[in-house]
Amino acid sequence: MAVKRRRGAGWQYVLKRKGLLPKPVYLTFRDEVEGDEYVARLEALLARGIVPVEIASDTGPGYLRASLQNYLNTTEVSALDREQLEIIANSVRWDLRLADCTFTWAVKWVSDFKREANLAPTTIRHRVGALARALDWALAHGMLATNPLRALPRGYATYTEADERETVARGGRAKTDTERDRRMTAEEEKAIRAVLITGRRQSPNETAGRALVLNHRTALTLLFELALETAMRMRELFTLGVDQVDIERRTIFLDRTKNGSKRQVPLSSVALGALTPWLEERADSALVFPWCADAGDARTVRKTTALLSRQWARVFDAAGCPDLHFHDLRHEATSRLYERTTLSDAQIAKITGHKDPRMLMRYANLRASDLAARLW
């Protein structure tokens, strides 16, 4: 139980948890009822072994979780990194000091992702990458001597034979990188557009013709159109501000993307034709699309992502392609850039936001005929 005592015109609470909090946390409230309620919630979390991020700064900058909170508060971080760092902050030991983040610790940390959490290699890379960038910040501010995550060997996220044995012994299975290569056929695109227009199933089964509950069907249609014409991610689309679209310059200006960098996305004539009348109707709105009330709030963005993912799953199922994901539209759009334009890999990467050129290597076969045409 927290120690509560009168201090001047307010009340001070002292929280202690051996093995969980490295030192006492002091909280002061002017209102006793408010203080009792807040501390009760904190104690309920502490009883479950969870230390809320909001009291991280009370434990000093020498600890990893406090350092992560300072990094998130002072640095422009991508949505993906913020999401991963919040997971990390709520999972690492509260008393873990930055000085304890050695190479040995890093190897064990990554090993636990595979052997205990049984995460996929892609998820492991996302998590390690996010923390590596946070530790780079700590290094630049003199809090660390070296960044141990930068010393991890190539292929650190791949399950080794030892990882596989340990994972299987725990009831899991070794996971591998799975590269989705799902293309949308012309028939599927036609069926999806029909669902968006009519709001009815197109698949040839006993439920064909049954109406679907699709809110904002016109907005969903525009989202589908822009996904295919711009290769933008779902989150980049539904958080798009009206002021980020320049119709005269035929360009969308993305300030913050999944990778945390800015980029400019050119608009095709099809995208321009769909966007122009839509923006005229939403001249008084801050956002292009109606679903996300606050594009700057990570929790709201996550909820909107989940909502739209479910909505698109219903649309694709009604169109007879239940194995299609919305993110596959980004792959389809990138493929079309290779098939229908003469843009270079570097130019396409600027549009799509792929930072690593190797990510675009799988599209090279789409231009095999172009390469053959250049031979004597």
Protein backbone atom coordinates (compact mmCIF):
# COMPACT_ATOMS: atom_id res chain seq x y z
CA MET A 1 0.00 0.00 0.00
CA ALA A 2 1.15 3.52 -0.77
CA VAL A 3 2.08 5.77 2.12
CA LYS A 4 -0.17 8.86 2.19
CA ARG A 5 0.56 12.00 4.16
CA ARG A 6 -0.55 15.60 4.30
CA ARG A 7 1.83 18.07 2.63
CA GLY A 8 0.82 21.72 2.82
CA ALA A 9 -2.47 22.21 0.95
CA GLY A 10 -2.22 18.81 -0.76
CA TRP A 11 -1.50 15.12 -0.25
CA GLN A 12 1.68 13.21 -1.00
CA TYR A 13 1.75 9.50 -1.89
CA VAL A 14 4.88 7.33 -1.79
CA LEU A 15 4.91 4.14 -3.86
CA LYS A 16 7.51 1.42 -3.20
CA ARG A 17 7.81 -1.95 -4.92
CA LYS A 18 10.97 -3.97 -4.31
CA GLY A 19 12.16 -5.66 -7.50
CA LEU A 20 9.80 -3.61 -9.63
CA LEU A 21 10.53 0.04 -8.87
CA PRO A 22 14.24 0.87 -8.53
CA LYS A 23 13.43 3.69 -6.11
CA PRO A 24 10.35 5.20 -4.42
CA VAL A 25 7.94 7.20 -6.59
CA TYR A 26 6.50 10.38 -5.07
CA LEU A 27 3.17 11.77 -6.25
CA THR A 28 1.39 14.89 -5.01
CA PHE A 29 -2.28 15.84 -5.44
CA ARG A 30 -4.26 18.84 -4.24
CA ASP A 31 -7.44 16.77 -4.05
CA GLU A 32 -7.39 13.72 -1.75
CA VAL A 33 -10.17 11.85 -3.59
CA GLU A 34 -8.46 12.32 -6.95
CA GLY A 35 -5.16 11.16 -5.43
CA ASP A 36 -6.73 8.07 -3.86
CA GLU A 37 -8.37 7.05 -7.14
CA TYR A 38 -5.24 7.61 -9.24
CA VAL A 39 -2.92 5.77 -6.84
CA ALA A 40 -5.41 2.89 -6.55
CA ARG A 41 -5.23 2.42 -10.33
CA LEU A 42 -1.42 2.53 -10.22
CA GLU A 43 -1.29 -0.02 -7.42
CA ALA A 44 -3.60 -2.37 -9.34
CA LEU A 45 -1.18 -2.28 -12.28
CA LEU A 46 1.88 -2.69 -10.07
CA ALA A 47 0.25 -5.71 -8.45
CA ARG A 48 0.17 -7.31 -11.91
CA GLY A 49 3.84 -6.47 -12.48
CA ILE A 50 3.05 -3.58 -14.85
CA VAL A 51 4.75 -0.23 -14.30
CA PRO A 52 2.84 2.56 -16.12
CA VAL A 53 4.95 4.54 -18.55
CA GLU A 54 3.70 7.85 -17.12
CA ILE A 55 5.80 7.41 -13.95
CA ALA A 56 8.93 6.41 -15.87
CA SER A 57 10.51 9.86 -15.51
CA ASP A 58 10.37 9.50 -11.72
CA THR A 59 12.99 6.76 -11.81
CA GLY A 60 15.76 8.73 -13.47
CA PRO A 61 17.28 8.81 -16.98
CA GLY A 62 19.74 6.01 -16.20
CA TYR A 63 17.01 3.41 -16.66
CA LEU A 64 15.92 2.07 -20.04
CA ARG A 65 12.19 2.71 -19.62
CA ALA A 66 12.73 6.29 -18.50
CA SER A 67 15.08 6.83 -21.43
CA LEU A 68 12.45 5.50 -23.85
CA GLN A 69 9.84 7.86 -22.43
CA ASN A 70 12.19 10.84 -22.79
CA TYR A 71 12.97 9.77 -26.37
CA LEU A 72 9.27 9.53 -27.27
CA ASN A 73 8.54 12.90 -25.64
CA THR A 74 11.35 14.81 -27.36
CA THR A 75 11.78 13.15 -30.76
CA GLU A 76 9.63 12.82 -33.86
CA VAL A 77 9.10 9.07 -34.07
CA SER A 78 7.25 7.07 -36.73
CA ALA A 79 3.93 5.50 -35.79
CA LEU A 80 5.39 2.00 -36.13
CA ASP A 81 8.38 2.80 -33.89
CA ARG A 82 6.14 4.40 -31.27
CA GLU A 83 3.91 1.34 -31.23
CA GLN A 84 6.90 -1.02 -30.87
CA LEU A 85 8.57 1.08 -28.17
CA GLU A 86 5.40 1.17 -26.11
CA ILE A 87 5.34 -2.63 -26.22
CA ILE A 88 9.01 -2.76 -25.21
CA ALA A 89 8.53 -0.24 -22.39
CA ASN A 90 5.78 -2.37 -20.89
CA SER A 91 7.71 -5.64 -21.19
CA VAL A 92 11.33 -5.01 -20.11
CA ARG A 93 12.29 -5.07 -16.43
CA TRP A 94 11.60 -1.79 -14.69
CA ASP A 95 15.00 -1.83 -12.98
CA LEU A 96 16.93 -2.40 -16.22
CA ARG A 97 19.62 0.28 -16.46
CA LEU A 98 21.03 1.54 -19.74
CA ALA A 99 24.42 0.39 -18.51
CA ASP A 100 23.01 -3.16 -18.37
CA CYS A 101 22.06 -3.05 -22.07
CA THR A 102 25.19 -4.86 -23.22
CA PHE A 103 25.77 -7.08 -26.25
CA THR A 104 25.17 -10.15 -24.07
CA TRP A 105 21.84 -8.67 -22.97
CA ALA A 106 20.91 -7.88 -26.60
CA VAL A 107 21.59 -11.45 -27.75
CA LYS A 108 19.49 -12.84 -24.88
CA TRP A 109 16.70 -10.32 -25.56
CA VAL A 110 16.47 -11.34 -29.22
CA SER A 111 16.72 -15.03 -28.33
CA ASP A 112 13.74 -14.69 -25.97
CA PHE A 113 11.68 -13.23 -28.83
CA LYS A 114 12.13 -16.49 -30.66
CA ARG A 115 12.22 -19.09 -27.90
CA GLU A 116 9.68 -17.63 -25.46
CA ALA A 117 7.47 -15.20 -27.39
CA ASN A 118 7.74 -17.19 -30.65
CA LEU A 119 7.62 -14.03 -32.77
CA ALA A 120 8.02 -13.92 -36.53
CA PRO A 121 11.39 -12.66 -37.89
CA THR A 122 9.72 -9.56 -39.37
CA THR A 123 8.23 -8.61 -36.00
CA ILE A 124 11.59 -9.17 -34.31
CA ARG A 125 13.31 -6.87 -36.82
CA HIS A 126 10.68 -4.17 -36.30
CA ARG A 127 11.12 -4.34 -32.53
CA VAL A 128 14.92 -4.40 -32.60
CA GLY A 129 15.02 -1.61 -35.17
CA ALA A 130 12.78 0.64 -33.08
CA LEU A 131 14.87 0.13 -29.94
CA ALA A 132 18.11 0.50 -31.88
CA ARG A 133 17.03 3.96 -33.03
CA ALA A 134 16.04 4.87 -29.47
CA LEU A 135 19.43 3.72 -28.18
CA ASP A 136 21.14 5.74 -30.95
CA TRP A 137 19.42 8.77 -29.39
CA ALA A 138 20.62 7.76 -25.92
CA LEU A 139 24.13 7.30 -27.30
CA ALA A 140 24.07 10.75 -28.90
CA HIS A 141 23.03 12.25 -25.55
CA GLY A 142 25.87 10.61 -23.66
CA MET A 143 23.74 8.04 -21.84
CA LEU A 144 25.41 5.03 -23.50
CA ALA A 145 28.95 4.16 -24.49
CA THR A 146 27.89 1.93 -27.42
CA ASN A 147 24.68 0.68 -29.00
CA PRO A 148 24.70 -3.12 -28.54
CA LEU A 149 21.90 -3.70 -31.04
CA ARG A 150 24.08 -2.35 -33.85
CA ALA A 151 26.53 -5.17 -33.18
CA LEU A 152 24.00 -7.94 -33.74
CA PRO A 153 25.05 -10.22 -36.60
CA ARG A 154 23.25 -10.35 -39.93
CA GLY A 155 20.34 -12.77 -39.76
CA TYR A 156 19.83 -12.31 -36.01
CA ALA A 157 16.05 -12.64 -36.41
CA THR A 158 16.26 -16.01 -38.19
CA TYR A 159 15.52 -19.09 -36.10
CA THR A 160 18.64 -21.24 -35.65
CA GLU A 161 18.51 -25.00 -35.06
CA ALA A 162 18.96 -24.36 -31.33
CA ASP A 163 16.14 -21.79 -31.39
CA GLU A 164 13.90 -24.28 -33.18
CA ARG A 165 14.58 -27.06 -30.67
CA GLU A 166 13.87 -24.78 -27.72
CA THR A 167 10.74 -23.35 -29.35
CA VAL A 168 9.34 -26.78 -30.18
CA ALA A 169 10.07 -27.95 -26.63
CA ARG A 170 7.91 -25.06 -25.40
CA GLY A 171 5.05 -26.04 -27.70
CA GLY A 172 5.76 -23.49 -30.45
CA ARG A 173 7.25 -23.75 -33.91
CA ALA A 174 10.09 -22.03 -35.73
CA LYS A 175 8.81 -19.18 -37.87
CA THR A 176 10.24 -18.00 -41.17
CA ASP A 177 9.92 -14.88 -43.29
CA THR A 178 6.82 -15.07 -45.42
CA GLU A 179 6.83 -12.75 -48.41
CA ARG A 180 3.31 -12.15 -49.65
CA ASP A 181 3.14 -11.94 -53.39
CA ARG A 182 -0.64 -11.74 -53.79
CA ARG A 183 -1.75 -9.96 -56.94
CA MET A 184 -5.32 -8.84 -57.50
CA THR A 185 -6.82 -10.14 -60.75
CA ALA A 186 -8.90 -8.03 -63.11
CA GLU A 187 -11.98 -10.09 -62.22
CA GLU A 188 -11.40 -9.53 -58.50
CA GLU A 189 -10.98 -5.78 -58.99
CA LYS A 190 -14.24 -5.67 -60.93
CA ALA A 191 -16.04 -7.63 -58.19
CA ILE A 192 -14.64 -5.39 -55.43
CA ARG A 193 -15.77 -2.26 -57.24
CA ALA A 194 -19.23 -3.81 -57.67
CA VAL A 195 -19.45 -4.49 -53.91
CA LEU A 196 -18.45 -0.89 -53.16
CA ILE A 197 -21.04 0.46 -55.58
CA THR A 198 -23.99 -1.81 -54.73
CA GLY A 199 -23.18 -2.81 -51.17
CA ARG A 200 -24.07 -6.39 -52.07
CA ARG A 201 -22.21 -9.69 -52.29
CA GLN A 202 -20.85 -10.73 -55.66
CA SER A 203 -19.57 -14.23 -54.80
CA PRO A 204 -21.54 -17.08 -56.39
CA ASN A 205 -22.93 -18.82 -53.30
CA GLU A 206 -26.13 -19.04 -51.28
CA THR A 207 -25.57 -15.56 -49.81
CA ALA A 208 -24.95 -13.84 -53.13
CA GLY A 209 -26.89 -10.61 -53.43
CA ARG A 210 -27.23 -10.17 -49.66
CA ALA A 211 -26.75 -6.58 -48.53
CA LEU A 212 -23.66 -5.57 -46.51
CA VAL A 213 -23.41 -2.91 -43.85
CA LEU A 214 -20.80 -0.57 -45.35
CA ASN A 215 -20.60 2.86 -43.78
CA HIS A 216 -19.04 5.62 -45.89
CA ARG A 217 -19.07 3.57 -49.11
CA THR A 218 -17.99 6.55 -51.20
CA ALA A 219 -15.01 7.10 -48.90
CA LEU A 220 -14.15 3.39 -49.07
CA THR A 221 -14.21 3.59 -52.87
CA LEU A 222 -11.84 6.55 -52.84
CA LEU A 223 -9.56 4.76 -50.39
CA PHE A 224 -9.45 1.76 -52.74
CA GLU A 225 -8.73 4.01 -55.73
CA LEU A 226 -5.91 5.89 -54.03
CA ALA A 227 -4.34 2.70 -52.68
CA LEU A 228 -4.04 1.38 -56.23
CA GLU A 229 -2.90 4.68 -57.73
CA THR A 230 -0.39 5.82 -55.08
CA ALA A 231 0.91 2.63 -53.36
CA MET A 232 0.27 4.38 -50.02
CA ARG A 233 -0.29 2.39 -46.85
CA MET A 234 -3.72 2.30 -45.21
CA ARG A 235 -2.56 4.35 -42.23
CA GLU A 236 -0.97 6.96 -44.48
CA LEU A 237 -4.25 7.29 -46.35
CA PHE A 238 -6.80 7.55 -43.55
CA THR A 239 -4.63 10.01 -41.54
CA LEU A 240 -4.11 12.22 -44.58
CA GLY A 241 -4.85 15.90 -43.97
CA VAL A 242 -6.61 18.03 -46.56
CA ASP A 243 -3.70 20.48 -46.40
CA GLN A 244 -1.32 17.70 -47.47
CA VAL A 245 -2.96 17.40 -50.88
CA ASP A 246 -1.88 19.90 -53.54
CA ILE A 247 -4.22 19.49 -56.51
CA GLU A 248 -2.41 22.06 -58.68
CA ARG A 249 0.95 20.34 -58.20
CA ARG A 250 -0.68 16.89 -58.39
CA THR A 251 1.14 15.82 -55.26
CA ILE A 252 0.44 14.43 -51.81
CA PHE A 253 2.96 15.54 -49.18
CA LEU A 254 3.47 12.96 -46.43
CA ASP A 255 5.03 14.50 -43.33
CA ARG A 256 5.38 11.35 -41.24
CA THR A 257 5.29 7.84 -42.61
CA LYS A 258 5.77 4.31 -41.25
CA ASN A 259 9.54 4.76 -41.69
CA GLY A 260 9.50 8.15 -40.00
CA SER A 261 10.59 10.04 -43.14
CA LYS A 262 8.89 12.55 -45.39
CA ARG A 263 8.01 11.81 -48.99
CA GLN A 264 6.06 13.21 -51.91
CA VAL A 265 3.57 11.05 -53.79
CA PRO A 266 2.63 12.13 -57.32
CA LEU A 267 -1.02 11.82 -58.34
CA SER A 268 -2.03 10.06 -61.54
CA SER A 269 -4.88 11.44 -63.64
CA VAL A 270 -7.15 8.75 -62.17
CA ALA A 271 -6.27 9.69 -58.58
CA LEU A 272 -6.63 13.37 -59.40
CA GLY A 273 -10.05 12.83 -60.95
CA ALA A 274 -11.27 10.97 -57.85
CA LEU A 275 -9.77 13.37 -55.29
CA THR A 276 -10.70 16.75 -56.76
CA PRO A 277 -14.51 16.61 -56.36
CA TRP A 278 -14.16 14.81 -53.02
CA LEU A 279 -11.97 17.56 -51.55
CA GLU A 280 -14.39 20.22 -52.74
CA GLU A 281 -17.07 18.58 -50.62
CA ARG A 282 -14.74 18.29 -47.60
CA ALA A 283 -13.36 21.82 -47.77
CA ASP A 284 -14.29 22.39 -44.11
CA SER A 285 -12.73 19.15 -42.88
CA ALA A 286 -9.19 18.74 -41.54
CA LEU A 287 -8.80 15.17 -42.80
CA VAL A 288 -9.46 13.73 -46.24
CA PHE A 289 -11.27 10.69 -44.83
CA PRO A 290 -13.99 10.55 -42.14
CA TRP A 291 -12.86 7.68 -39.90
CA CYS A 292 -10.02 8.95 -37.70
CA ALA A 293 -11.03 11.69 -35.27
CA ASP A 294 -7.44 12.44 -34.17
CA ALA A 295 -4.63 11.44 -36.54
CA GLY A 296 -2.06 12.47 -33.95
CA ASP A 297 -3.28 10.07 -31.27
CA ALA A 298 -1.62 6.63 -31.54
CA ARG A 299 -4.47 4.83 -29.78
CA THR A 300 -7.10 6.35 -32.08
CA VAL A 301 -5.02 5.45 -35.13
CA ARG A 302 -4.70 1.83 -33.97
CA LYS A 303 -8.46 1.57 -33.41
CA THR A 304 -9.15 3.04 -36.85
CA THR A 305 -6.72 0.60 -38.44
CA ALA A 306 -8.52 -2.31 -36.80
CA LEU A 307 -11.94 -0.96 -37.81
CA LEU A 308 -10.96 -0.49 -41.46
CA SER A 309 -9.19 -3.84 -41.61
CA ARG A 310 -12.41 -5.55 -40.53
CA GLN A 311 -14.42 -3.52 -43.01
CA TRP A 312 -12.14 -4.43 -45.91
CA ALA A 313 -12.16 -8.09 -44.88
CA ARG A 314 -15.95 -8.01 -45.33
CA VAL A 315 -15.64 -6.28 -48.69
CA PHE A 316 -13.06 -8.74 -50.03
CA ASP A 317 -15.06 -11.70 -48.73
CA ALA A 318 -18.19 -10.36 -50.44
CA ALA A 319 -16.21 -9.98 -53.67
CA GLY A 320 -15.13 -13.61 -53.55
CA CYS A 321 -11.48 -13.03 -52.61
CA PRO A 322 -11.34 -13.55 -48.81
CA ASP A 323 -7.57 -14.20 -48.87
CA LEU A 324 -6.88 -10.66 -50.12
CA HIS A 325 -5.62 -8.09 -47.59
CA PHE A 326 -5.74 -4.32 -47.94
CA HIS A 327 -1.94 -4.19 -47.75
CA ASP A 328 -1.86 -6.38 -50.87
CA LEU A 329 -3.14 -3.31 -52.75
CA ARG A 330 0.19 -1.61 -52.01
CA HIS A 331 1.97 -4.59 -53.61
CA GLU A 332 -0.43 -4.42 -56.56
CA ALA A 333 0.14 -0.68 -56.98
CA THR A 334 3.92 -1.08 -56.88
CA SER A 335 3.72 -3.89 -59.43
CA ARG A 336 1.70 -1.64 -61.73
CA LEU A 337 4.32 1.11 -61.46
CA TYR A 338 6.84 -1.39 -62.81
CA GLU A 339 4.52 -2.74 -65.49
CA ARG A 340 2.97 0.50 -66.75
CA THR A 341 5.76 3.07 -66.41
CA THR A 342 9.40 3.49 -67.32
CA LEU A 343 10.31 4.90 -63.91
CA SER A 344 13.60 3.71 -62.42
CA ASP A 345 13.87 1.71 -59.19
CA ALA A 346 15.06 4.83 -57.37
CA GLN A 347 12.11 6.88 -58.64
CA ILE A 348 9.60 4.20 -57.67
CA ALA A 349 11.23 3.89 -54.24
CA LYS A 350 10.69 7.63 -53.71
CA ILE A 351 6.99 7.18 -54.47
CA THR A 352 6.43 4.05 -52.40
CA GLY A 353 8.74 4.92 -49.51
CA HIS A 354 10.80 1.72 -49.64
CA LYS A 355 14.07 2.64 -47.96
CA ASP A 356 15.95 -0.54 -48.77
CA PRO A 357 16.39 -1.09 -52.55
CA ARG A 358 16.41 -4.83 -51.89
CA MET A 359 12.72 -4.59 -51.01
CA LEU A 360 12.01 -3.80 -54.65
CA MET A 361 14.10 -6.64 -56.09
CA ARG A 362 11.09 -8.99 -56.23
CA TYR A 363 9.44 -6.67 -58.75
CA ALA A 364 12.37 -6.87 -61.18
CA ASN A 365 10.88 -9.85 -63.03
CA LEU A 366 7.94 -7.68 -64.07
CA ARG A 367 10.28 -5.93 -66.51
CA ALA A 368 11.99 -9.02 -67.92
CA SER A 369 10.51 -8.31 -71.35
CA ASP A 370 11.84 -4.75 -71.23
CA LEU A 371 15.33 -6.04 -70.51
CA ALA A 372 15.09 -8.57 -73.34
CA ALA A 373 14.02 -5.81 -75.72
CA ARG A 374 17.28 -3.97 -75.06
CA LEU A 375 19.46 -6.87 -76.22
CA TRP A 376 20.76 -7.14 -79.78
